[in-house]
Amino acid sequence: IIGADNFVHYITNDFIQPLSKDSEVKGYDADGIAEYLYMRLSKRFMIDEMLEDYDRTKENFIEEIKFSLEEIGF
């Protein structure tokens, strides 16, 4: 994920690297941001267990985050 800090954040291994000076970033990726938010939140909260209680899946949760991001212009 390319953050607002113009660094590339690799969410699978927590590696961070700067973008090259000639790189140009346009727009946002609601899918990637939604996946990242799920990963971060599930590390701190018992989201998977909560989802099971409500008969929902990880994909349902990520889709709802994506929908919310798109609703505010991402």
PDB file of N, CA and C in Angstrom:
ATOM      1  N   ILE A   1       0.859  -1.170   0.000  1.00  0.00           N
ATOM      2  CA  ILE A   1       0.000   0.000   0.000  1.00  0.00           C
ATOM      3  C   ILE A   1       0.899   1.224   0.000  1.00  0.00           C
ATOM      4  N   ILE A   2       0.562   2.198  -0.818  1.00  0.00           N
ATOM      5  CA  ILE A   2       1.302   3.458  -0.820  1.00  0.00           C
ATOM      6  C   ILE A   2       0.589   4.399   0.134  1.00  0.00           C
ATOM      7  N   GLY A   3       1.287   4.791   1.171  1.00  0.00           N
ATOM      8  CA  GLY A   3       0.687   5.631   2.194  1.00  0.00           C
ATOM      9  C   GLY A   3       0.723   7.106   1.846  1.00  0.00           C
ATOM     10  N   ALA A   4       0.032   7.885   2.644  1.00  0.00           N
ATOM     11  CA  ALA A   4       0.022   9.339   2.473  1.00  0.00           C
ATOM     12  C   ALA A   4       1.419   9.921   2.675  1.00  0.00           C
ATOM     13  N   ASP A   5       2.302   9.154   3.274  1.00  0.00           N
ATOM     14  CA  ASP A   5       3.681   9.586   3.497  1.00  0.00           C
ATOM     15  C   ASP A   5       4.574   9.341   2.279  1.00  0.00           C
ATOM     16  N   ASN A   6       3.983   8.859   1.171  1.00  0.00           N
ATOM     17  CA  ASN A   6       4.705   8.521  -0.065  1.00  0.00           C
ATOM     18  C   ASN A   6       5.733   7.409   0.128  1.00  0.00           C
ATOM     19  N   PHE A   7       5.469   6.527   1.069  1.00  0.00           N
ATOM     20  CA  PHE A   7       6.261   5.331   1.236  1.00  0.00           C
ATOM     21  C   PHE A   7       5.412   4.134   0.833  1.00  0.00           C
ATOM     22  N   VAL A   8       6.067   3.102   0.322  1.00  0.00           N
ATOM     23  CA  VAL A   8       5.383   1.857   0.004  1.00  0.00           C
ATOM     24  C   VAL A   8       5.422   0.993   1.262  1.00  0.00           C
ATOM     25  N   HIS A   9       4.257   0.610   1.753  1.00  0.00           N
ATOM     26  CA  HIS A   9       4.139  -0.205   2.953  1.00  0.00           C
ATOM     27  C   HIS A   9       3.724  -1.606   2.536  1.00  0.00           C
ATOM     28  N   TYR A  10       4.601  -2.584   2.727  1.00  0.00           N
ATOM     29  CA  TYR A  10       4.291  -3.967   2.389  1.00  0.00           C
ATOM     30  C   TYR A  10       3.586  -4.585   3.588  1.00  0.00           C
ATOM     31  N   ILE A  11       2.299  -4.861   3.447  1.00  0.00           N
ATOM     32  CA  ILE A  11       1.511  -5.286   4.596  1.00  0.00           C
ATOM     33  C   ILE A  11       1.782  -6.727   5.001  1.00  0.00           C
ATOM     34  N   THR A  12       2.390  -7.512   4.132  1.00  0.00           N
ATOM     35  CA  THR A  12       2.645  -8.907   4.492  1.00  0.00           C
ATOM     36  C   THR A  12       3.871  -9.072   5.380  1.00  0.00           C
ATOM     37  N   ASN A  13       4.844  -8.140   5.272  1.00  0.00           N
ATOM     38  CA  ASN A  13       6.061  -8.300   6.071  1.00  0.00           C
ATOM     39  C   ASN A  13       6.488  -7.030   6.805  1.00  0.00           C
ATOM     40  N   ASP A  14       5.638  -6.000   6.813  1.00  0.00           N
ATOM     41  CA  ASP A  14       5.906  -4.729   7.494  1.00  0.00           C
ATOM     42  C   ASP A  14       7.116  -3.973   6.953  1.00  0.00           C
ATOM     43  N   PHE A  15       7.575  -4.293   5.745  1.00  0.00           N
ATOM     44  CA  PHE A  15       8.685  -3.586   5.113  1.00  0.00           C
ATOM     45  C   PHE A  15       8.175  -2.263   4.545  1.00  0.00           C
ATOM     46  N   ILE A  16       8.985  -1.211   4.658  1.00  0.00           N
ATOM     47  CA  ILE A  16       8.621   0.111   4.147  1.00  0.00           C
ATOM     48  C   ILE A  16       9.774   0.621   3.290  1.00  0.00           C
ATOM     49  N   GLN A  17       9.426   1.181   2.124  1.00  0.00           N
ATOM     50  CA  GLN A  17      10.461   1.774   1.281  1.00  0.00           C
ATOM     51  C   GLN A  17       9.913   3.027   0.615  1.00  0.00           C
ATOM     52  N   PRO A  18      10.772   3.999   0.359  1.00  0.00           N
ATOM     53  CA  PRO A  18      10.299   5.229  -0.294  1.00  0.00           C
ATOM     54  C   PRO A  18      10.010   4.984  -1.771  1.00  0.00           C
ATOM     55  N   LEU A  19       9.087   5.772  -2.323  1.00  0.00           N
ATOM     56  CA  LEU A  19       8.837   5.748  -3.756  1.00  0.00           C
ATOM     57  C   LEU A  19      10.003   6.424  -4.464  1.00  0.00           C
ATOM     58  N   SER A  20      10.275   6.017  -5.692  1.00  0.00           N
ATOM     59  CA  SER A  20      11.316   6.709  -6.446  1.00  0.00           C
ATOM     60  C   SER A  20      10.825   8.106  -6.803  1.00  0.00           C
ATOM     61  N   LYS A  21      11.740   9.027  -7.007  1.00  0.00           N
ATOM     62  CA  LYS A  21      11.388  10.430  -7.241  1.00  0.00           C
ATOM     63  C   LYS A  21      10.542  10.630  -8.492  1.00  0.00           C
ATOM     64  N   ASP A  22      10.681   9.764  -9.481  1.00  0.00           N
ATOM     65  CA  ASP A  22       9.924   9.928 -10.720  1.00  0.00           C
ATOM     66  C   ASP A  22       8.575   9.198 -10.695  1.00  0.00           C
ATOM     67  N   SER A  23       8.192   8.634  -9.547  1.00  0.00           N
ATOM     68  CA  SER A  23       6.912   7.939  -9.418  1.00  0.00           C
ATOM     69  C   SER A  23       5.775   8.938  -9.271  1.00  0.00           C
ATOM     70  N   GLU A  24       4.649   8.594  -9.858  1.00  0.00           N
ATOM     71  CA  GLU A  24       3.458   9.436  -9.741  1.00  0.00           C
ATOM     72  C   GLU A  24       2.310   8.549  -9.272  1.00  0.00           C
ATOM     73  N   VAL A  25       1.647   8.973  -8.225  1.00  0.00           N
ATOM     74  CA  VAL A  25       0.548   8.211  -7.653  1.00  0.00           C
ATOM     75  C   VAL A  25      -0.752   8.954  -7.941  1.00  0.00           C
ATOM     76  N   LYS A  26      -1.712   8.210  -8.491  1.00  0.00           N
ATOM     77  CA  LYS A  26      -3.011   8.800  -8.806  1.00  0.00           C
ATOM     78  C   LYS A  26      -4.096   7.938  -8.181  1.00  0.00           C
ATOM     79  N   GLY A  27      -5.008   8.565  -7.487  1.00  0.00           N
ATOM     80  CA  GLY A  27      -6.168   7.860  -6.954  1.00  0.00           C
ATOM     81  C   GLY A  27      -5.876   7.022  -5.724  1.00  0.00           C
ATOM     82  N   TYR A  28      -6.884   6.238  -5.347  1.00  0.00           N
ATOM     83  CA  TYR A  28      -6.810   5.397  -4.161  1.00  0.00           C
ATOM     84  C   TYR A  28      -7.309   4.004  -4.507  1.00  0.00           C
ATOM     85  N   ASP A  29      -6.911   3.034  -3.730  1.00  0.00           N
ATOM     86  CA  ASP A  29      -7.355   1.665  -3.922  1.00  0.00           C
ATOM     87  C   ASP A  29      -8.153   1.250  -2.691  1.00  0.00           C
ATOM     88  N   ALA A  30      -9.464   1.361  -2.775  1.00  0.00           N
ATOM     89  CA  ALA A  30     -10.321   1.014  -1.636  1.00  0.00           C
ATOM     90  C   ALA A  30     -10.161  -0.454  -1.256  1.00  0.00           C
ATOM     91  N   ASP A  31      -9.919  -1.334  -2.238  1.00  0.00           N
ATOM     92  CA  ASP A  31      -9.727  -2.764  -1.934  1.00  0.00           C
ATOM     93  C   ASP A  31      -8.509  -2.967  -1.030  1.00  0.00           C
ATOM     94  N   GLY A  32      -7.393  -2.372  -1.415  1.00  0.00           N
ATOM     95  CA  GLY A  32      -6.165  -2.529  -0.638  1.00  0.00           C
ATOM     96  C   GLY A  32      -6.277  -1.918   0.751  1.00  0.00           C
ATOM     97  N   ILE A  33      -6.884  -0.750   0.823  1.00  0.00           N
ATOM     98  CA  ILE A  33      -7.055  -0.090   2.123  1.00  0.00           C
ATOM     99  C   ILE A  33      -7.979  -0.912   3.014  1.00  0.00           C
ATOM    100  N   ALA A  34      -9.052  -1.441   2.449  1.00  0.00           N
ATOM    101  CA  ALA A  34      -9.989  -2.266   3.227  1.00  0.00           C
ATOM    102  C   ALA A  34      -9.293  -3.514   3.757  1.00  0.00           C
ATOM    103  N   GLU A  35      -8.510  -4.167   2.919  1.00  0.00           N
ATOM    104  CA  GLU A  35      -7.765  -5.371   3.341  1.00  0.00           C
ATOM    105  C   GLU A  35      -6.781  -5.020   4.450  1.00  0.00           C
ATOM    106  N   TYR A  36      -6.080  -3.907   4.291  1.00  0.00           N
ATOM    107  CA  TYR A  36      -5.125  -3.469   5.308  1.00  0.00           C
ATOM    108  C   TYR A  36      -5.821  -3.192   6.634  1.00  0.00           C
ATOM    109  N   LEU A  37      -6.929  -2.470   6.591  1.00  0.00           N
ATOM    110  CA  LEU A  37      -7.659  -2.162   7.825  1.00  0.00           C
ATOM    111  C   LEU A  37      -8.140  -3.434   8.512  1.00  0.00           C
ATOM    112  N   TYR A  38      -8.625  -4.393   7.737  1.00  0.00           N
ATOM    113  CA  TYR A  38      -9.035  -5.672   8.330  1.00  0.00           C
ATOM    114  C   TYR A  38      -7.844  -6.333   9.035  1.00  0.00           C
ATOM    115  N   MET A  39      -6.706  -6.391   8.341  1.00  0.00           N
ATOM    116  CA  MET A  39      -5.528  -7.042   8.926  1.00  0.00           C
ATOM    117  C   MET A  39      -5.111  -6.374  10.230  1.00  0.00           C
ATOM    118  N   ARG A  40      -5.064  -5.043  10.231  1.00  0.00           N
ATOM    119  CA  ARG A  40      -4.659  -4.321  11.445  1.00  0.00           C
ATOM    120  C   ARG A  40      -5.658  -4.510  12.575  1.00  0.00           C
ATOM    121  N   LEU A  41      -6.937  -4.357  12.268  1.00  0.00           N
ATOM    122  CA  LEU A  41      -7.970  -4.484  13.301  1.00  0.00           C
ATOM    123  C   LEU A  41      -8.058  -5.902  13.844  1.00  0.00           C
ATOM    124  N   SER A  42      -7.886  -6.892  12.981  1.00  0.00           N
ATOM    125  CA  SER A  42      -8.004  -8.275  13.450  1.00  0.00           C
ATOM    126  C   SER A  42      -6.832  -8.679  14.348  1.00  0.00           C
ATOM    127  N   LYS A  43      -5.723  -7.960  14.252  1.00  0.00           N
ATOM    128  CA  LYS A  43      -4.597  -8.222  15.162  1.00  0.00           C
ATOM    129  C   LYS A  43      -4.887  -7.705  16.567  1.00  0.00           C
ATOM    130  N   ARG A  44      -5.717  -6.679  16.690  1.00  0.00           N
ATOM    131  CA  ARG A  44      -5.991  -6.050  17.982  1.00  0.00           C
ATOM    132  C   ARG A  44      -7.310  -6.469  18.595  1.00  0.00           C
ATOM    133  N   PHE A  45      -8.265  -6.832  17.748  1.00  0.00           N
ATOM    134  CA  PHE A  45      -9.602  -7.171  18.240  1.00  0.00           C
ATOM    135  C   PHE A  45      -9.991  -8.569  17.760  1.00  0.00           C
ATOM    136  N   MET A  46     -10.916  -9.168  18.423  1.00  0.00           N
ATOM    137  CA  MET A  46     -11.339 -10.530  18.090  1.00  0.00           C
ATOM    138  C   MET A  46     -12.400 -10.491  16.977  1.00  0.00           C
ATOM    139  N   ILE A  47     -12.015  -9.939  15.840  1.00  0.00           N
ATOM    140  CA  ILE A  47     -12.962  -9.730  14.751  1.00  0.00           C
ATOM    141  C   ILE A  47     -13.465 -11.048  14.180  1.00  0.00           C
ATOM    142  N   ASP A  48     -12.589 -12.013  13.979  1.00  0.00           N
ATOM    143  CA  ASP A  48     -13.021 -13.288  13.392  1.00  0.00           C
ATOM    144  C   ASP A  48     -14.069 -13.971  14.258  1.00  0.00           C
ATOM    145  N   GLU A  49     -13.876 -13.930  15.570  1.00  0.00           N
ATOM    146  CA  GLU A  49     -14.856 -14.527  16.477  1.00  0.00           C
ATOM    147  C   GLU A  49     -16.179 -13.755  16.433  1.00  0.00           C
ATOM    148  N   MET A  50     -16.083 -12.435  16.364  1.00  0.00           N
ATOM    149  CA  MET A  50     -17.281 -11.618  16.276  1.00  0.00           C
ATOM    150  C   MET A  50     -18.046 -11.933  14.991  1.00  0.00           C
ATOM    151  N   LEU A  51     -17.314 -12.060  13.895  1.00  0.00           N
ATOM    152  CA  LEU A  51     -17.949 -12.365  12.617  1.00  0.00           C
ATOM    153  C   LEU A  51     -18.671 -13.706  12.662  1.00  0.00           C
ATOM    154  N   GLU A  52     -18.059 -14.687  13.310  1.00  0.00           N
ATOM    155  CA  GLU A  52     -18.710 -15.994  13.452  1.00  0.00           C
ATOM    156  C   GLU A  52     -20.016 -15.874  14.226  1.00  0.00           C
ATOM    157  N   ASP A  53     -20.013 -15.059  15.278  1.00  0.00           N
ATOM    158  CA  ASP A  53     -21.220 -14.861  16.090  1.00  0.00           C
ATOM    159  C   ASP A  53     -22.367 -14.276  15.270  1.00  0.00           C
ATOM    160  N   TYR A  54     -22.022 -13.469  14.261  1.00  0.00           N
ATOM    161  CA  TYR A  54     -23.041 -12.831  13.428  1.00  0.00           C
ATOM    162  C   TYR A  54     -23.203 -13.527  12.075  1.00  0.00           C
ATOM    163  N   ASP A  55     -22.614 -14.706  11.947  1.00  0.00           N
ATOM    164  CA  ASP A  55     -22.703 -15.492  10.726  1.00  0.00           C
ATOM    165  C   ASP A  55     -22.222 -14.705   9.508  1.00  0.00           C
ATOM    166  N   ARG A  56     -21.084 -14.015   9.674  1.00  0.00           N
ATOM    167  CA  ARG A  56     -20.460 -13.238   8.608  1.00  0.00           C
ATOM    168  C   ARG A  56     -19.054 -13.762   8.363  1.00  0.00           C
ATOM    169  N   THR A  57     -18.454 -13.337   7.257  1.00  0.00           N
ATOM    170  CA  THR A  57     -17.103 -13.783   6.902  1.00  0.00           C
ATOM    171  C   THR A  57     -16.152 -12.595   6.840  1.00  0.00           C
ATOM    172  N   LYS A  58     -14.877 -12.923   6.775  1.00  0.00           N
ATOM    173  CA  LYS A  58     -13.838 -11.908   6.594  1.00  0.00           C
ATOM    174  C   LYS A  58     -14.138 -11.092   5.344  1.00  0.00           C
ATOM    175  N   GLU A  59     -14.539 -11.754   4.275  1.00  0.00           N
ATOM    176  CA  GLU A  59     -14.833 -11.081   3.016  1.00  0.00           C
ATOM    177  C   GLU A  59     -16.002 -10.092   3.158  1.00  0.00           C
ATOM    178  N   ASN A  60     -17.028 -10.478   3.938  1.00  0.00           N
ATOM    179  CA  ASN A  60     -18.146  -9.565   4.201  1.00  0.00           C
ATOM    180  C   ASN A  60     -17.651  -8.301   4.898  1.00  0.00           C
ATOM    181  N   PHE A  61     -16.787  -8.481   5.867  1.00  0.00           N
ATOM    182  CA  PHE A  61     -16.254  -7.365   6.645  1.00  0.00           C
ATOM    183  C   PHE A  61     -15.433  -6.434   5.757  1.00  0.00           C
ATOM    184  N   ILE A  62     -14.539  -7.009   4.944  1.00  0.00           N
ATOM    185  CA  ILE A  62     -13.697  -6.222   4.053  1.00  0.00           C
ATOM    186  C   ILE A  62     -14.554  -5.486   3.030  1.00  0.00           C
ATOM    187  N   GLU A  63     -15.570  -6.149   2.503  1.00  0.00           N
ATOM    188  CA  GLU A  63     -16.458  -5.515   1.525  1.00  0.00           C
ATOM    189  C   GLU A  63     -17.185  -4.313   2.146  1.00  0.00           C
ATOM    190  N   GLU A  64     -17.573  -4.429   3.405  1.00  0.00           N
ATOM    191  CA  GLU A  64     -18.258  -3.314   4.072  1.00  0.00           C
ATOM    192  C   GLU A  64     -17.310  -2.139   4.285  1.00  0.00           C
ATOM    193  N   ILE A  65     -16.060  -2.415   4.638  1.00  0.00           N
ATOM    194  CA  ILE A  65     -15.061  -1.344   4.770  1.00  0.00           C
ATOM    195  C   ILE A  65     -14.867  -0.677   3.413  1.00  0.00           C
ATOM    196  N   LYS A  66     -14.716  -1.480   2.366  1.00  0.00           N
ATOM    197  CA  LYS A  66     -14.541  -0.945   1.014  1.00  0.00           C
ATOM    198  C   LYS A  66     -15.728  -0.055   0.633  1.00  0.00           C
ATOM    199  N   PHE A  67     -16.922  -0.521   0.868  1.00  0.00           N
ATOM    200  CA  PHE A  67     -18.128   0.258   0.558  1.00  0.00           C
ATOM    201  C   PHE A  67     -18.093   1.606   1.288  1.00  0.00           C
ATOM    202  N   SER A  68     -17.714   1.572   2.567  1.00  0.00           N
ATOM    203  CA  SER A  68     -17.648   2.799   3.355  1.00  0.00           C
ATOM    204  C   SER A  68     -16.599   3.768   2.813  1.00  0.00           C
ATOM    205  N   LEU A  69     -15.452   3.251   2.421  1.00  0.00           N
ATOM    206  CA  LEU A  69     -14.401   4.090   1.836  1.00  0.00           C
ATOM    207  C   LEU A  69     -14.861   4.713   0.520  1.00  0.00           C
ATOM    208  N   GLU A  70     -15.511   3.908  -0.306  1.00  0.00           N
ATOM    209  CA  GLU A  70     -16.001   4.414  -1.592  1.00  0.00           C
ATOM    210  C   GLU A  70     -17.091   5.473  -1.389  1.00  0.00           C
ATOM    211  N   GLU A  71     -17.865   5.313  -0.350  1.00  0.00           N
ATOM    212  CA  GLU A  71     -18.924   6.276  -0.050  1.00  0.00           C
ATOM    213  C   GLU A  71     -18.358   7.663   0.269  1.00  0.00           C
ATOM    214  N   ILE A  72     -17.148   7.697   0.827  1.00  0.00           N
ATOM    215  CA  ILE A  72     -16.533   8.998   1.158  1.00  0.00           C
ATOM    216  C   ILE A  72     -15.494   9.423   0.119  1.00  0.00           C
ATOM    217  N   GLY A  73     -15.524   8.774  -1.043  1.00  0.00           N
ATOM    218  CA  GLY A  73     -14.729   9.262  -2.151  1.00  0.00           C
ATOM    219  C   GLY A  73     -13.427   8.545  -2.451  1.00  0.00           C
ATOM    220  N   PHE A  74     -13.160   7.416  -1.837  1.00  0.00           N
ATOM    221  CA  PHE A  74     -11.935   6.683  -2.163  1.00  0.00           C
ATOM    222  C   PHE A  74     -12.168   5.816  -3.370  1.00  0.00           C
TER     223      PHE A  74
END
